[in-house]
């Protein structure tokens, strides 16, 4: 499935952003979708994931600040990011696959840049 991210930008620390991922096709039956981020000079990490039954997973360090959600009717995946910190600066990618374990090797979008200034 083709994925296109949007919603990134420059925000001050403490601010919020909502990232969107538009899928070219139905996402209702996609078993797993998620958001990865790749900070400069660091390894990429899974930020959050959601199953077709809307079970969610979050990286421990981000629980309480980030919320993943989806709208099957609109074929959209979202990531609401609150209380942003400079260390959240990264390229954020939407991903889709058959399960959480294979998300890293699944379909990815081109990414959207998030920059948090101090």
N, C-alpha and C. Protein backbone atom coordinates (compact mmCIF):
# COMPACT_ATOMS: atom_id res chain seq x y z
N UNK A 1 0.84 -1.18 0.00
CA UNK A 1 0.00 0.00 0.00
C UNK A 1 0.89 1.24 0.00
N UNK A 2 0.50 2.24 -0.81
CA UNK A 2 1.27 3.49 -0.87
C UNK A 2 0.83 4.40 0.26
N UNK A 3 1.81 4.95 0.95
CA UNK A 3 1.55 5.79 2.12
C UNK A 3 2.19 7.15 1.94
N UNK A 4 1.48 8.20 2.33
CA UNK A 4 2.01 9.56 2.22
C UNK A 4 1.77 10.28 3.53
N UNK A 5 2.87 10.72 4.15
CA UNK A 5 2.78 11.42 5.43
C UNK A 5 2.65 12.93 5.21
N UNK A 6 2.05 13.59 6.19
CA UNK A 6 1.96 15.05 6.18
C UNK A 6 1.79 15.53 7.62
N UNK A 7 1.93 16.83 7.81
CA UNK A 7 1.67 17.40 9.12
C UNK A 7 2.91 17.77 9.92
N UNK A 8 4.07 17.44 9.41
CA UNK A 8 5.28 17.80 10.12
C UNK A 8 5.55 19.30 10.02
N UNK A 9 6.56 19.75 10.75
CA UNK A 9 6.90 21.16 10.71
C UNK A 9 7.78 21.53 11.88
N UNK A 10 7.91 22.84 12.06
CA UNK A 10 8.71 23.40 13.14
C UNK A 10 7.79 23.84 14.27
N UNK A 11 8.07 23.41 15.47
CA UNK A 11 7.23 23.76 16.62
C UNK A 11 8.14 24.01 17.82
N UNK A 12 7.69 24.87 18.71
CA UNK A 12 8.45 25.13 19.92
C UNK A 12 8.23 24.02 20.93
N UNK A 13 9.19 23.84 21.79
CA UNK A 13 9.07 22.86 22.86
C UNK A 13 7.80 23.13 23.65
N UNK A 14 7.09 22.06 23.98
CA UNK A 14 5.82 22.18 24.67
C UNK A 14 4.62 22.23 23.75
N UNK A 15 4.87 22.41 22.48
CA UNK A 15 3.80 22.50 21.51
C UNK A 15 3.30 21.13 21.06
N UNK A 16 2.37 21.16 20.11
CA UNK A 16 1.74 19.93 19.61
C UNK A 16 1.75 19.91 18.09
N UNK A 17 1.73 18.73 17.54
CA UNK A 17 1.56 18.51 16.12
C UNK A 17 0.73 17.26 15.93
N UNK A 18 -0.02 17.21 14.84
CA UNK A 18 -0.69 15.99 14.46
C UNK A 18 -0.21 15.57 13.09
N UNK A 19 0.40 14.42 13.04
CA UNK A 19 0.84 13.86 11.77
C UNK A 19 -0.28 13.03 11.17
N UNK A 20 -0.36 13.07 9.85
CA UNK A 20 -1.34 12.28 9.13
C UNK A 20 -0.64 11.39 8.11
N UNK A 21 -1.24 10.26 7.86
CA UNK A 21 -0.73 9.34 6.85
C UNK A 21 -1.91 8.92 5.98
N UNK A 22 -1.82 9.27 4.71
CA UNK A 22 -2.87 8.94 3.76
C UNK A 22 -2.48 7.67 3.01
N UNK A 23 -3.37 6.69 3.03
CA UNK A 23 -3.11 5.43 2.32
C UNK A 23 -3.86 5.41 1.00
N UNK A 24 -3.20 4.91 -0.02
CA UNK A 24 -3.85 4.79 -1.33
C UNK A 24 -4.57 3.46 -1.38
N UNK A 25 -5.65 3.38 -0.65
CA UNK A 25 -6.43 2.14 -0.58
C UNK A 25 -6.96 1.93 0.82
N UNK A 26 -7.78 0.93 0.96
CA UNK A 26 -8.41 0.66 2.25
C UNK A 26 -7.39 0.20 3.28
N UNK A 27 -7.50 0.76 4.48
CA UNK A 27 -6.63 0.32 5.57
C UNK A 27 -7.37 -0.55 6.58
N UNK A 28 -8.66 -0.72 6.39
CA UNK A 28 -9.47 -1.44 7.38
C UNK A 28 -8.95 -2.85 7.64
N UNK A 29 -8.42 -3.48 6.62
CA UNK A 29 -7.99 -4.86 6.78
C UNK A 29 -6.48 -5.00 6.96
N UNK A 30 -5.77 -3.88 7.03
CA UNK A 30 -4.31 -3.96 7.25
C UNK A 30 -4.08 -4.34 8.71
N UNK A 31 -3.43 -5.46 8.97
CA UNK A 31 -3.29 -5.94 10.35
C UNK A 31 -2.52 -5.01 11.28
N UNK A 32 -1.54 -4.30 10.74
CA UNK A 32 -0.73 -3.44 11.61
C UNK A 32 -0.27 -2.20 10.86
N UNK A 33 -0.40 -1.07 11.51
CA UNK A 33 0.13 0.19 10.99
C UNK A 33 0.85 0.90 12.13
N UNK A 34 1.79 1.74 11.77
CA UNK A 34 2.52 2.39 12.84
C UNK A 34 3.29 3.60 12.38
N UNK A 35 3.91 4.23 13.33
CA UNK A 35 4.77 5.37 13.08
C UNK A 35 6.16 5.05 13.60
N UNK A 36 7.17 5.30 12.76
CA UNK A 36 8.57 5.23 13.15
C UNK A 36 9.13 6.65 13.12
N UNK A 37 10.20 6.83 13.85
CA UNK A 37 10.93 8.07 13.70
C UNK A 37 12.43 7.79 13.62
N UNK A 38 13.14 8.68 12.94
CA UNK A 38 14.57 8.52 12.74
C UNK A 38 15.24 9.84 13.05
N UNK A 39 15.72 9.96 14.31
CA UNK A 39 16.40 11.20 14.70
C UNK A 39 17.76 11.29 14.01
N UNK A 40 18.26 12.47 13.78
CA UNK A 40 19.58 12.60 13.14
C UNK A 40 20.67 11.98 14.01
N UNK A 41 21.46 11.13 13.39
CA UNK A 41 22.58 10.52 14.09
C UNK A 41 22.21 9.39 15.04
N UNK A 42 20.95 8.99 15.01
CA UNK A 42 20.50 7.92 15.90
C UNK A 42 19.79 6.84 15.10
N UNK A 43 19.47 5.75 15.78
CA UNK A 43 18.75 4.67 15.12
C UNK A 43 17.27 4.99 15.06
N UNK A 44 16.61 4.44 14.08
CA UNK A 44 15.17 4.63 14.00
C UNK A 44 14.48 3.80 15.07
N UNK A 45 13.32 4.26 15.49
CA UNK A 45 12.59 3.55 16.52
C UNK A 45 11.10 3.56 16.20
N UNK A 46 10.43 2.52 16.66
CA UNK A 46 8.98 2.44 16.54
C UNK A 46 8.37 3.32 17.61
N UNK A 47 7.61 4.29 17.19
CA UNK A 47 6.98 5.24 18.11
C UNK A 47 5.67 4.66 18.64
N UNK A 48 4.82 4.23 17.73
CA UNK A 48 3.50 3.72 18.10
C UNK A 48 2.98 2.85 16.97
N UNK A 49 2.10 1.93 17.31
CA UNK A 49 1.48 1.06 16.32
C UNK A 49 0.05 0.78 16.70
N UNK A 50 -0.73 0.39 15.70
CA UNK A 50 -2.14 0.10 15.94
C UNK A 50 -2.55 -1.06 15.05
N UNK A 51 -3.34 -1.96 15.61
CA UNK A 51 -3.77 -3.12 14.85
C UNK A 51 -5.10 -2.84 14.15
N UNK A 52 -5.54 -3.80 13.35
CA UNK A 52 -6.82 -3.63 12.66
C UNK A 52 -7.97 -3.59 13.66
N UNK A 53 -7.79 -4.16 14.84
CA UNK A 53 -8.83 -4.11 15.88
C UNK A 53 -8.60 -2.94 16.84
N UNK A 54 -7.64 -2.07 16.47
CA UNK A 54 -7.33 -0.84 17.20
C UNK A 54 -6.65 -1.07 18.54
N UNK A 55 -6.03 -2.22 18.70
CA UNK A 55 -5.11 -2.40 19.82
C UNK A 55 -3.89 -1.54 19.54
N UNK A 56 -3.41 -0.84 20.57
CA UNK A 56 -2.30 0.08 20.35
C UNK A 56 -1.04 -0.33 21.12
N UNK A 57 0.07 0.11 20.59
CA UNK A 57 1.38 -0.07 21.22
C UNK A 57 2.08 1.27 21.20
N UNK A 58 2.79 1.57 22.29
CA UNK A 58 3.59 2.79 22.35
C UNK A 58 4.97 2.47 22.91
N UNK A 59 5.96 3.17 22.41
CA UNK A 59 7.27 3.11 23.03
C UNK A 59 7.13 3.65 24.45
N UNK A 60 7.78 2.99 25.39
CA UNK A 60 7.61 3.36 26.80
C UNK A 60 7.90 4.83 27.06
N UNK A 61 8.91 5.34 26.41
CA UNK A 61 9.34 6.72 26.67
C UNK A 61 8.34 7.75 26.16
N UNK A 62 7.38 7.32 25.34
CA UNK A 62 6.45 8.26 24.72
C UNK A 62 5.03 8.14 25.24
N UNK A 63 4.78 7.15 26.06
CA UNK A 63 3.43 6.97 26.59
C UNK A 63 2.96 8.22 27.32
N UNK A 64 1.74 8.60 27.03
CA UNK A 64 1.17 9.77 27.67
C UNK A 64 1.32 11.05 26.88
N UNK A 65 2.27 11.07 25.93
CA UNK A 65 2.45 12.28 25.12
C UNK A 65 1.97 12.08 23.69
N UNK A 66 2.11 10.86 23.18
CA UNK A 66 1.74 10.58 21.79
C UNK A 66 0.52 9.67 21.77
N UNK A 67 -0.35 9.88 20.79
CA UNK A 67 -1.54 9.04 20.61
C UNK A 67 -1.68 8.66 19.15
N UNK A 68 -1.77 7.37 18.89
CA UNK A 68 -1.98 6.89 17.53
C UNK A 68 -3.46 6.57 17.36
N UNK A 69 -3.97 6.88 16.17
CA UNK A 69 -5.37 6.57 15.88
C UNK A 69 -5.51 6.41 14.37
N UNK A 70 -6.65 5.89 13.96
CA UNK A 70 -6.88 5.75 12.52
C UNK A 70 -8.35 5.95 12.21
N UNK A 71 -8.61 6.28 10.98
CA UNK A 71 -9.96 6.43 10.47
C UNK A 71 -10.06 5.53 9.25
N UNK A 72 -10.63 4.36 9.43
CA UNK A 72 -10.70 3.40 8.33
C UNK A 72 -11.50 3.93 7.15
N UNK A 73 -12.57 4.65 7.43
CA UNK A 73 -13.42 5.16 6.35
C UNK A 73 -12.66 6.14 5.46
N UNK A 74 -11.73 6.89 6.07
CA UNK A 74 -10.97 7.88 5.32
C UNK A 74 -9.61 7.37 4.88
N UNK A 75 -9.28 6.13 5.27
CA UNK A 75 -7.97 5.54 4.97
C UNK A 75 -6.83 6.40 5.50
N UNK A 76 -6.98 6.85 6.73
CA UNK A 76 -6.01 7.74 7.35
C UNK A 76 -5.50 7.18 8.65
N UNK A 77 -4.21 7.40 8.90
CA UNK A 77 -3.57 7.08 10.17
C UNK A 77 -3.05 8.38 10.74
N UNK A 78 -3.14 8.52 12.06
CA UNK A 78 -2.74 9.76 12.70
C UNK A 78 -1.77 9.51 13.84
N UNK A 79 -1.00 10.54 14.16
CA UNK A 79 -0.18 10.53 15.36
C UNK A 79 -0.28 11.92 15.99
N UNK A 80 -0.97 11.98 17.11
CA UNK A 80 -1.08 13.23 17.86
C UNK A 80 0.10 13.30 18.81
N UNK A 81 0.86 14.37 18.72
CA UNK A 81 2.06 14.52 19.55
C UNK A 81 1.91 15.78 20.39
N UNK A 82 1.92 15.60 21.69
CA UNK A 82 1.77 16.72 22.62
C UNK A 82 3.03 16.87 23.47
N UNK A 83 3.15 18.03 24.10
CA UNK A 83 4.28 18.32 24.98
C UNK A 83 5.60 17.96 24.30
N UNK A 84 5.75 18.43 23.09
CA UNK A 84 6.92 18.06 22.30
C UNK A 84 8.20 18.59 22.92
N UNK A 85 9.25 17.79 22.75
CA UNK A 85 10.57 18.12 23.29
C UNK A 85 11.58 18.18 22.14
N UNK A 86 12.67 18.89 22.33
CA UNK A 86 13.68 18.94 21.26
C UNK A 86 14.15 17.56 20.83
N UNK A 87 14.18 16.60 21.76
CA UNK A 87 14.61 15.25 21.41
C UNK A 87 13.59 14.50 20.56
N UNK A 88 12.42 15.07 20.35
CA UNK A 88 11.45 14.47 19.44
C UNK A 88 11.74 14.84 17.99
N UNK A 89 12.71 15.71 17.78
CA UNK A 89 13.09 16.09 16.43
C UNK A 89 13.56 14.88 15.64
N UNK A 90 12.93 14.64 14.50
CA UNK A 90 13.23 13.46 13.70
C UNK A 90 12.41 13.50 12.42
N UNK A 91 12.76 12.62 11.50
CA UNK A 91 11.88 12.33 10.37
C UNK A 91 10.92 11.25 10.84
N UNK A 92 9.66 11.46 10.62
CA UNK A 92 8.64 10.51 11.04
C UNK A 92 8.05 9.81 9.82
N UNK A 93 7.93 8.48 9.94
CA UNK A 93 7.46 7.66 8.83
C UNK A 93 6.25 6.84 9.23
N UNK A 94 5.34 6.71 8.32
CA UNK A 94 4.17 5.84 8.47
C UNK A 94 4.54 4.48 7.87
N UNK A 95 4.08 3.39 8.49
CA UNK A 95 4.39 2.06 8.00
C UNK A 95 3.18 1.15 8.12
N UNK A 96 3.14 0.14 7.27
CA UNK A 96 2.05 -0.83 7.29
C UNK A 96 2.60 -2.22 7.00
N UNK A 97 2.04 -3.21 7.69
CA UNK A 97 2.49 -4.58 7.47
C UNK A 97 1.48 -5.57 8.00
N UNK A 98 1.85 -6.84 7.98
CA UNK A 98 0.94 -7.90 8.41
C UNK A 98 0.92 -8.07 9.92
N UNK A 99 1.93 -7.57 10.61
CA UNK A 99 1.93 -7.59 12.07
C UNK A 99 2.98 -6.61 12.59
N UNK A 100 2.99 -6.39 13.89
CA UNK A 100 3.93 -5.43 14.49
C UNK A 100 5.38 -5.83 14.21
N UNK A 101 5.65 -7.12 14.27
CA UNK A 101 7.04 -7.59 14.15
C UNK A 101 7.64 -7.31 12.79
N UNK A 102 6.81 -7.21 11.78
CA UNK A 102 7.32 -6.99 10.42
C UNK A 102 7.09 -5.57 9.92
N UNK A 103 6.63 -4.67 10.78
CA UNK A 103 6.39 -3.30 10.35
C UNK A 103 7.64 -2.66 9.75
N UNK A 104 8.79 -2.94 10.37
CA UNK A 104 10.03 -2.32 9.89
C UNK A 104 10.34 -2.71 8.46
N UNK A 105 9.86 -3.86 8.03
CA UNK A 105 10.14 -4.35 6.68
C UNK A 105 8.93 -4.21 5.76
N UNK A 106 7.89 -3.52 6.23
CA UNK A 106 6.67 -3.38 5.45
C UNK A 106 6.71 -2.19 4.51
N UNK A 107 5.55 -1.67 4.19
CA UNK A 107 5.44 -0.50 3.32
C UNK A 107 5.66 0.76 4.14
N UNK A 108 6.44 1.66 3.60
CA UNK A 108 6.74 2.92 4.28
C UNK A 108 6.43 4.09 3.36
N UNK A 109 6.11 5.21 3.98
CA UNK A 109 5.98 6.45 3.22
C UNK A 109 7.32 7.13 3.10
N UNK A 110 7.31 8.35 2.57
CA UNK A 110 8.54 9.11 2.36
C UNK A 110 8.97 9.89 3.59
N UNK A 111 8.08 10.02 4.55
CA UNK A 111 8.42 10.69 5.78
C UNK A 111 8.02 12.15 5.82
N UNK A 112 7.89 12.66 7.03
CA UNK A 112 7.62 14.09 7.25
C UNK A 112 8.51 14.55 8.40
N UNK A 113 9.14 15.69 8.22
CA UNK A 113 10.11 16.17 9.20
C UNK A 113 9.42 16.91 10.34
N UNK A 114 9.81 16.56 11.54
CA UNK A 114 9.35 17.26 12.74
C UNK A 114 10.58 17.86 13.42
N UNK A 115 10.54 19.16 13.64
CA UNK A 115 11.64 19.84 14.31
C UNK A 115 11.08 20.60 15.51
N UNK A 116 11.62 20.30 16.68
CA UNK A 116 11.17 20.95 17.90
C UNK A 116 12.30 21.85 18.42
N UNK A 117 12.02 23.11 18.50
CA UNK A 117 13.02 24.08 18.96
C UNK A 117 12.90 24.28 20.46
N UNK A 118 14.04 24.55 21.09
CA UNK A 118 14.04 24.73 22.55
C UNK A 118 13.77 26.19 22.91
